[in-house]
C-alpha cells in the first residue's frame, strides 16, 4: 500500500507539472512570440480554459501528500516556508495579470500586466526547479524530522547549504527551459499565423538547449548522488521511463519537422512526464533526503500514515481521480482547434 501511494503522489505531481507546465511556458514566452495586443490575447485565449484548473492539480497533489505522508508535508512546508510564500505570490501575480490586463484599454496598462504575467511564470518555473534540486541534493534534516534553510550561503552544494546553490540553480535553469519548450509546443498546436510561426521556431531552439542541459544535469546528479545512479541501473521501471522520455524528446523534432503540432505537444508531455517519473523511481523510497545522514531521511516507509488510513484514502482517490481526468478530457474536447482572440472588451 505504501508503494502504491508513493506512485500516486508521483503521478499527481507529474500531472501538475505537465498540465500547468504548458501555460507556465506560454506565459514565459508570450512576450517573445506575441508582439501585438491581438497576438497576446490569442496566447491568453489558448491557455484561458485551462490555466486555473491546471493549478488545482497542485492542491490535489498536496492533499494526497497530506493524507498519505503527513510527516513529509509538515517537514517540507516548515523547511521551505519562505520559498512557499514566494510561490504563492507568483501564483497570485499570474492570475491577477491575466484577469486585469484587459480591464483598461490602455497600452501602458496592458504592457505592465503582460510583463507581470511573464515575470510570475518565470519565477514559478525557477522556484519549482530549485525545489526539485533541493530534494535531489538533500536538506539538513534533524533527528526530529525538521530542517531549516537560509536562502543561500556560499553557493556551494556542500553543507551548510542554502536553498540556492550552483546545483539547485542549475536544476532551476533546466526546469525553466524545459517548461518554455513545453509551452512552445502547446502554442504551436493551439495558435496560427505569426504566433504559430514564432512558437515553432522557439521549439527547435529550446529543445536543442534542453538536450545539452539534460546531459549535463544527468552527469552532475549521478556524481553528487551515486545512490540515484545505482538505483537507475538496477530498476527496470526507471530504464523504461527514461526510454519513453528519450523517445518523446526525439519525437518533438520529428513532429515539428512533419508539421504534426498535436503530436509535438504530446511528445513534449511524454518527455517531461516520463523524466519526472523516472526521477521518482530512482529516488524511491526516499521522499525527503537528509544531506548529512542518510539514516535520517524521510522515506515512504517511515513517514506514511497507517495502513487503514491509506486504504480508506485509496477508496476516495479511486472515485475522485477518474472524475478529474474526465473533466479535463471534456475541456480539451470543447476547446479543440485553434484559439482566437476574443473581440476587444469581451475577454482576454
Protein backbone atom coordinates (compact mmCIF):
# COMPACT_ATOMS: atom_id res chain seq x y z
CA UNK A 1 0.00 0.00 0.00
CA UNK A 2 2.88 2.38 0.79
CA UNK A 3 4.45 1.74 -2.61
CA UNK A 4 1.11 2.36 -4.32
CA UNK A 5 0.67 5.72 -2.59
CA UNK A 6 4.22 6.73 -3.44
CA UNK A 7 3.33 6.06 -7.09
CA UNK A 8 0.07 8.01 -6.75
CA UNK A 9 1.86 11.05 -5.31
CA UNK A 10 4.49 10.90 -8.06
CA UNK A 11 1.82 10.67 -10.76
CA UNK A 12 -0.21 13.56 -9.37
CA UNK A 13 2.76 15.92 -9.06
CA UNK A 14 3.82 14.88 -12.57
CA UNK A 15 0.34 15.69 -13.89
CA UNK A 16 0.57 19.11 -12.28
CA UNK A 17 3.93 19.85 -13.91
CA UNK A 18 2.80 18.61 -17.34
CA UNK A 19 -0.56 20.38 -17.24
CA UNK A 20 0.39 23.66 -15.59
CA UNK A 21 3.76 23.50 -17.32
CA UNK A 22 2.40 24.37 -20.73
CA UNK A 23 0.65 27.52 -19.53
CA UNK A 24 3.70 28.50 -17.45
CA UNK A 25 5.77 28.06 -20.61
CA UNK A 26 3.29 30.10 -22.62
CA UNK A 27 3.49 32.84 -20.01
CA UNK A 28 7.27 32.92 -20.17
CA UNK A 29 7.27 33.02 -23.97
CA UNK A 30 4.33 35.26 -24.78
CA UNK A 31 6.35 38.50 -24.81
CA UNK A 32 8.59 36.96 -27.49
CA UNK A 33 6.15 35.02 -29.68
CA UNK A 34 3.32 37.60 -29.46
CA UNK A 35 4.17 41.21 -30.34
CA UNK A 36 0.77 42.93 -30.69
CA UNK A 37 -2.20 43.16 -28.37
CA UNK A 38 -4.24 40.78 -30.54
CA UNK A 39 -1.43 38.24 -30.63
CA UNK A 40 -1.00 38.33 -26.87
CA UNK A 41 -4.72 37.92 -26.39
CA UNK A 42 -4.56 34.90 -28.67
CA UNK A 43 -1.95 33.36 -26.37
CA UNK A 44 -4.16 34.07 -23.36
CA UNK A 45 -7.16 32.61 -25.17
CA UNK A 46 -5.13 29.46 -25.88
CA UNK A 47 -4.43 28.83 -22.19
CA UNK A 48 -7.57 30.54 -20.86
CA UNK A 49 -9.76 27.40 -20.50
CA UNK A 50 -7.02 25.51 -18.68
CA UNK A 51 -4.67 27.61 -16.55
CA UNK A 52 -6.72 27.94 -13.37
CA UNK A 53 -7.93 24.32 -13.49
CA UNK A 54 -4.35 23.15 -14.04
CA UNK A 55 -3.31 24.69 -10.73
CA UNK A 56 -5.86 22.53 -8.93
CA UNK A 57 -3.56 19.55 -9.59
CA UNK A 58 -1.03 21.15 -7.23
CA UNK A 59 -3.66 21.41 -4.49
CA UNK A 60 -4.83 17.85 -5.13
CA UNK A 61 -1.26 16.51 -5.04
CA UNK A 62 -0.60 18.39 -1.79
CA UNK A 63 -3.81 16.97 -0.32
CA UNK A 64 -2.82 13.44 -1.31
CA UNK A 65 0.61 14.00 0.27
CA UNK A 66 -1.09 15.18 3.47
CA UNK A 67 -3.27 12.07 3.58
CA UNK A 68 -0.57 9.51 2.82
CA UNK A 69 2.69 11.05 4.05
CA UNK A 70 1.82 13.85 6.51
CA UNK A 71 5.31 13.95 8.06
CA UNK A 72 6.88 14.74 4.69
CA UNK A 73 4.39 17.53 4.05
CA UNK A 74 4.81 19.01 7.52
CA UNK A 75 8.61 18.96 7.34
CA UNK A 76 8.69 20.33 3.79
CA UNK A 77 6.25 23.17 4.50
CA UNK A 78 8.19 24.32 7.54
CA UNK A 79 11.61 23.98 5.93
CA UNK A 80 10.64 25.77 2.71
CA UNK A 81 8.40 28.30 4.46
CA UNK A 82 9.88 31.40 2.81
CA UNK A 83 10.09 29.76 -0.61
CA UNK A 84 6.43 28.71 -0.41
CA UNK A 85 5.36 32.30 0.13
CA UNK A 86 7.32 33.30 -2.97
CA UNK A 87 5.44 30.60 -4.89
CA UNK A 88 2.09 31.87 -3.60
CA UNK A 89 2.88 35.47 -4.54
CA UNK A 90 3.96 34.36 -8.01
CA UNK A 91 0.74 32.38 -8.47
CA UNK A 92 -1.27 35.43 -7.41
CA UNK A 93 0.71 37.68 -9.77
CA UNK A 94 -0.02 35.38 -12.73
CA UNK A 95 -3.73 35.17 -12.01
CA UNK A 96 -4.14 38.90 -11.41
CA UNK A 97 -2.16 39.74 -14.56
CA UNK A 98 -4.34 37.52 -16.74
CA UNK A 99 -7.57 38.90 -15.34
CA UNK A 100 -6.63 42.59 -15.11
CA UNK A 101 -4.83 43.26 -18.41
CA UNK A 102 -8.00 43.91 -20.43
CA UNK A 103 -9.88 45.92 -17.81
CA UNK A 104 -8.40 49.18 -19.09
CA UNK A 105 -7.98 49.88 -22.82
CA UNK A 106 -4.55 51.42 -22.48
CA UNK A 107 -1.25 50.23 -23.93
CA UNK A 108 0.82 51.03 -20.83
CA UNK A 109 -1.66 49.25 -18.57
CA UNK A 110 -1.62 46.13 -20.75
CA UNK A 111 2.17 46.13 -21.06
CA UNK A 112 2.51 46.32 -17.27
CA UNK A 113 0.30 43.26 -16.71
CA UNK A 114 1.84 41.36 -19.63
CA UNK A 115 5.24 41.75 -18.03
CA UNK A 116 3.77 40.75 -14.67
CA UNK A 117 2.37 37.60 -16.28
CA UNK A 118 5.76 36.73 -17.78
CA UNK A 119 7.57 37.50 -14.52
CA UNK A 120 5.25 35.35 -12.42
CA UNK A 121 5.58 32.46 -14.86
CA UNK A 122 9.39 32.64 -14.91
CA UNK A 123 9.64 32.84 -11.13
CA UNK A 124 7.36 29.84 -10.66
CA UNK A 125 9.39 27.72 -13.08
CA UNK A 126 12.60 28.68 -11.28
CA UNK A 127 11.13 28.07 -7.81
CA UNK A 128 9.78 24.64 -8.73
CA UNK A 129 13.07 23.67 -10.35
CA UNK A 130 15.07 24.86 -7.34
CA UNK A 131 12.74 22.90 -5.04
CA UNK A 132 13.40 19.74 -7.06
CA UNK A 133 17.11 20.48 -6.88
CA UNK A 134 16.90 20.65 -3.09
CA UNK A 135 15.10 17.30 -2.97
CA UNK A 136 17.79 15.71 -5.13
CA UNK A 137 20.70 17.29 -3.25
CA UNK A 138 19.26 16.79 0.22
CA UNK A 139 18.34 19.06 3.11
CA UNK A 140 19.77 19.29 6.68
CA UNK A 141 17.18 17.08 8.39
CA UNK A 142 17.43 16.76 12.15
CA UNK A 143 16.55 13.67 14.18
CA UNK A 144 13.17 15.24 14.88
CA UNK A 145 12.43 15.33 11.14
CA UNK A 146 12.62 19.14 10.83
CA UNK A 147 15.04 21.33 8.97
CA UNK A 148 15.68 24.98 8.21
CA UNK A 149 17.39 26.51 5.18
CA UNK A 150 18.63 30.02 4.54
CA UNK A 151 18.11 31.43 1.07
CA UNK A 152 21.80 30.98 0.21
CA UNK A 153 25.22 30.67 1.84
CA UNK A 154 28.33 30.43 -0.35
CA UNK A 155 26.51 28.88 -3.36
CA UNK A 156 28.39 25.61 -2.96
CA UNK A 157 26.40 22.39 -2.71
CA UNK A 158 28.27 21.41 0.46
CA UNK A 159 26.96 21.86 4.00
CA UNK A 160 25.86 24.28 5.25
CA UNK A 161 23.96 24.79 2.00
CA UNK A 162 21.08 27.16 1.38
CA UNK A 163 18.04 26.89 -0.84
CA UNK A 164 20.10 28.41 -3.65
CA UNK A 165 23.45 26.97 -4.70
CA UNK A 166 25.07 26.23 -8.04
CA UNK A 167 23.39 22.81 -8.30
CA UNK A 168 19.84 23.85 -7.37
CA UNK A 169 20.14 26.86 -9.67
CA UNK A 170 21.24 24.54 -12.49
CA UNK A 171 18.15 22.39 -11.89
CA UNK A 172 16.06 25.58 -11.80
CA UNK A 173 17.52 26.69 -15.14
CA UNK A 174 16.83 23.28 -16.67
CA UNK A 175 13.23 23.30 -15.39
CA UNK A 176 12.67 26.80 -16.79
CA UNK A 177 13.97 25.90 -20.26
CA UNK A 178 12.01 22.62 -20.31
CA UNK A 179 8.75 24.36 -19.42
CA UNK A 180 9.42 27.04 -22.02
CA UNK A 181 9.88 24.30 -24.62
CA UNK A 182 6.71 22.56 -23.42
CA UNK A 183 4.77 25.82 -23.67
CA UNK A 184 6.16 26.45 -27.15
CA UNK A 185 4.83 23.10 -28.40
CA UNK A 186 1.42 23.93 -26.94
CA UNK A 187 1.33 27.34 -28.63
CA UNK A 188 2.46 25.78 -31.91
CA UNK A 189 -0.53 23.48 -31.68
CA UNK A 190 -3.14 25.99 -30.49
CA UNK A 191 -2.26 29.16 -32.43
CA UNK A 192 -1.87 30.22 -36.03
CA UNK A 193 -0.27 32.97 -38.09
CA UNK A 194 2.78 34.75 -36.68
CA UNK A 195 2.37 33.40 -33.12
CA UNK A 196 2.41 29.87 -34.52
CA UNK A 197 5.47 30.52 -36.68
CA UNK A 198 7.48 32.12 -33.86
CA UNK A 199 6.48 29.36 -31.42
CA UNK A 200 7.53 26.67 -33.90
CA UNK A 201 10.97 28.22 -34.25
CA UNK A 202 11.26 28.50 -30.48
CA UNK A 203 10.54 24.78 -30.06
CA UNK A 204 13.60 23.76 -32.08
CA UNK A 205 15.93 26.23 -30.36
CA UNK A 206 14.73 25.41 -26.87
CA UNK A 207 14.86 21.64 -27.33
CA UNK A 208 18.43 21.82 -28.57
CA UNK A 209 19.33 23.63 -25.32
CA UNK A 210 17.25 21.12 -23.34
CA UNK A 211 19.22 18.23 -24.82
CA UNK A 212 22.54 19.77 -23.77
CA UNK A 213 21.36 20.67 -20.26
CA UNK A 214 19.76 17.25 -19.80
CA UNK A 215 23.06 15.52 -20.47
CA UNK A 216 24.99 17.88 -18.19
CA UNK A 217 22.49 17.60 -15.36
CA UNK A 218 22.40 13.80 -15.59
CA UNK A 219 26.17 13.59 -15.21
CA UNK A 220 26.28 16.12 -12.37
CA UNK A 221 23.42 14.47 -10.45
CA UNK A 222 24.90 10.98 -10.79
CA UNK A 223 28.18 12.35 -9.42
CA UNK A 224 26.54 14.13 -6.48
CA UNK A 225 24.12 11.30 -5.67
CA UNK A 226 25.66 7.97 -6.72
CA UNK A 227 22.80 6.12 -5.00
CA UNK A 228 20.36 7.52 -7.57
CA UNK A 229 22.57 6.34 -10.42
CA UNK A 230 22.86 2.85 -8.92
CA UNK A 231 19.09 2.77 -8.44
CA UNK A 232 18.61 3.73 -12.07
CA UNK A 233 20.90 0.95 -13.27
CA UNK A 234 19.14 -1.68 -11.17
CA UNK A 235 15.47 -0.74 -11.73
CA UNK A 236 13.73 -1.79 -14.93
CA UNK A 237 10.94 0.76 -14.44
CA UNK A 238 13.46 3.60 -14.37
CA UNK A 239 15.02 2.31 -17.60
CA UNK A 240 11.60 2.09 -19.26
CA UNK A 241 10.60 5.60 -18.22
CA UNK A 242 13.94 7.01 -19.34
CA UNK A 243 13.48 5.34 -22.72
CA UNK A 244 10.00 6.87 -23.06
CA UNK A 245 11.43 10.27 -22.13
CA UNK A 246 14.18 9.96 -24.74
CA UNK A 247 11.64 8.86 -27.36
CA UNK A 248 9.45 11.86 -26.52
CA UNK A 249 12.45 14.18 -26.85
CA UNK A 250 13.29 12.84 -30.32
CA UNK A 251 9.65 12.82 -31.42
CA UNK A 252 9.34 16.55 -30.70
CA UNK A 253 11.82 17.25 -33.52
CA UNK A 254 10.21 14.67 -35.82
CA UNK A 255 6.68 16.03 -35.30
CA UNK A 256 7.76 19.64 -35.78
CA UNK A 257 9.52 18.69 -39.00
CA UNK A 258 6.40 16.88 -40.26
CA UNK A 259 4.02 19.67 -39.12
CA UNK A 260 2.23 17.43 -36.63
CA UNK A 261 1.59 20.05 -33.99
CA UNK A 262 -0.56 17.98 -31.63
CA UNK A 263 1.98 15.18 -31.89
CA UNK A 264 4.75 17.59 -30.86
CA UNK A 265 2.78 18.65 -27.79
CA UNK A 266 2.07 15.01 -26.91
CA UNK A 267 5.76 14.13 -27.34
CA UNK A 268 6.76 17.05 -25.12
CA UNK A 269 4.29 15.86 -22.48
CA UNK A 270 5.71 12.33 -22.69
CA UNK A 271 9.27 13.63 -22.37
CA UNK A 272 8.52 15.80 -19.34
CA UNK A 273 6.21 13.36 -17.59
CA UNK A 274 8.45 10.32 -18.07
CA UNK A 275 11.52 12.26 -16.95
CA UNK A 276 9.83 13.20 -13.67
CA UNK A 277 8.52 9.69 -13.07
CA UNK A 278 11.95 8.20 -13.80
CA UNK A 279 13.41 10.57 -11.21
CA UNK A 280 10.80 9.43 -8.69
CA UNK A 281 11.59 5.79 -9.47
CA UNK A 282 15.28 6.43 -8.80
CA UNK A 283 14.55 8.25 -5.53
CA UNK A 284 12.24 5.59 -4.08
CA UNK A 285 11.73 5.11 -1.18
CA UNK A 286 13.32 8.44 -0.22
CA UNK A 287 10.91 11.38 -0.18
CA UNK A 288 12.96 13.97 1.73
CA UNK A 289 16.68 13.24 1.62
CA UNK A 290 18.97 14.11 4.52
CA UNK A 291 22.12 15.77 3.26
CA UNK A 292 24.10 14.88 6.40
CA UNK A 293 22.98 11.39 7.42
CA UNK A 294 21.08 9.05 5.10
CA UNK A 295 19.52 7.29 8.08
CA UNK A 296 17.61 10.49 8.93
CA UNK A 297 15.93 10.73 5.51
CA UNK A 298 12.15 10.67 5.42
CA UNK A 299 11.05 7.73 3.30
CA UNK A 300 7.78 6.29 2.12
CA UNK A 301 8.07 3.70 4.87
CA UNK A 302 8.94 5.79 7.91
CA UNK A 303 6.75 8.80 7.03
CA UNK A 304 3.49 7.19 5.91
CA UNK A 305 0.22 7.08 7.80
CA UNK A 306 -1.14 3.73 8.99
CA UNK A 307 -2.32 1.06 6.56
CA UNK A 308 -6.01 1.58 7.44
CA UNK A 309 -5.81 5.30 6.63
CA UNK A 310 -4.06 4.59 3.33
CA UNK A 311 -6.74 2.07 2.40
CA UNK A 312 -9.64 4.43 3.18
CA UNK A 313 -7.95 7.27 1.28
CA UNK A 314 -7.49 4.98 -1.72
CA UNK A 315 -11.25 4.39 -1.92
CA UNK A 316 -11.85 8.15 -2.28
CA UNK A 317 -8.95 8.60 -4.68
CA UNK A 318 -10.33 5.89 -6.98
CA UNK A 319 -13.56 7.92 -7.21
CA UNK A 320 -12.10 11.42 -7.49
CA UNK A 321 -9.13 10.88 -9.80
CA UNK A 322 -11.11 9.49 -12.78
CA UNK A 323 -13.62 12.34 -12.43
CA UNK A 324 -10.78 14.86 -12.71
CA UNK A 325 -9.45 13.11 -15.82
CA UNK A 326 -12.93 13.14 -17.38
CA UNK A 327 -13.24 16.86 -16.64
CA UNK A 328 -10.00 17.67 -18.44
CA UNK A 329 -10.90 15.40 -21.35
CA UNK A 330 -14.18 17.29 -21.75
CA UNK A 331 -12.47 20.69 -21.51
CA UNK A 332 -9.90 19.79 -24.18
CA UNK A 333 -12.69 18.40 -26.34
CA UNK A 334 -14.82 21.54 -26.01
CA UNK A 335 -11.90 23.83 -26.81
CA UNK A 336 -10.34 21.80 -29.61
CA UNK A 337 -8.97 23.66 -32.60
CA UNK A 338 -7.00 26.85 -32.94
CA UNK A 339 -7.53 29.55 -30.33
CA UNK A 340 -8.60 33.01 -31.49
CA UNK A 341 -8.58 36.28 -29.59
CA UNK A 342 -11.99 37.49 -28.44
CA UNK A 343 -13.39 40.78 -29.67
CA UNK A 344 -11.84 43.72 -27.82
CA UNK A 345 -13.56 44.17 -24.48
CA UNK A 346 -15.05 40.65 -24.49
CA UNK A 347 -12.46 38.72 -22.54
CA UNK A 348 -8.73 38.32 -22.89
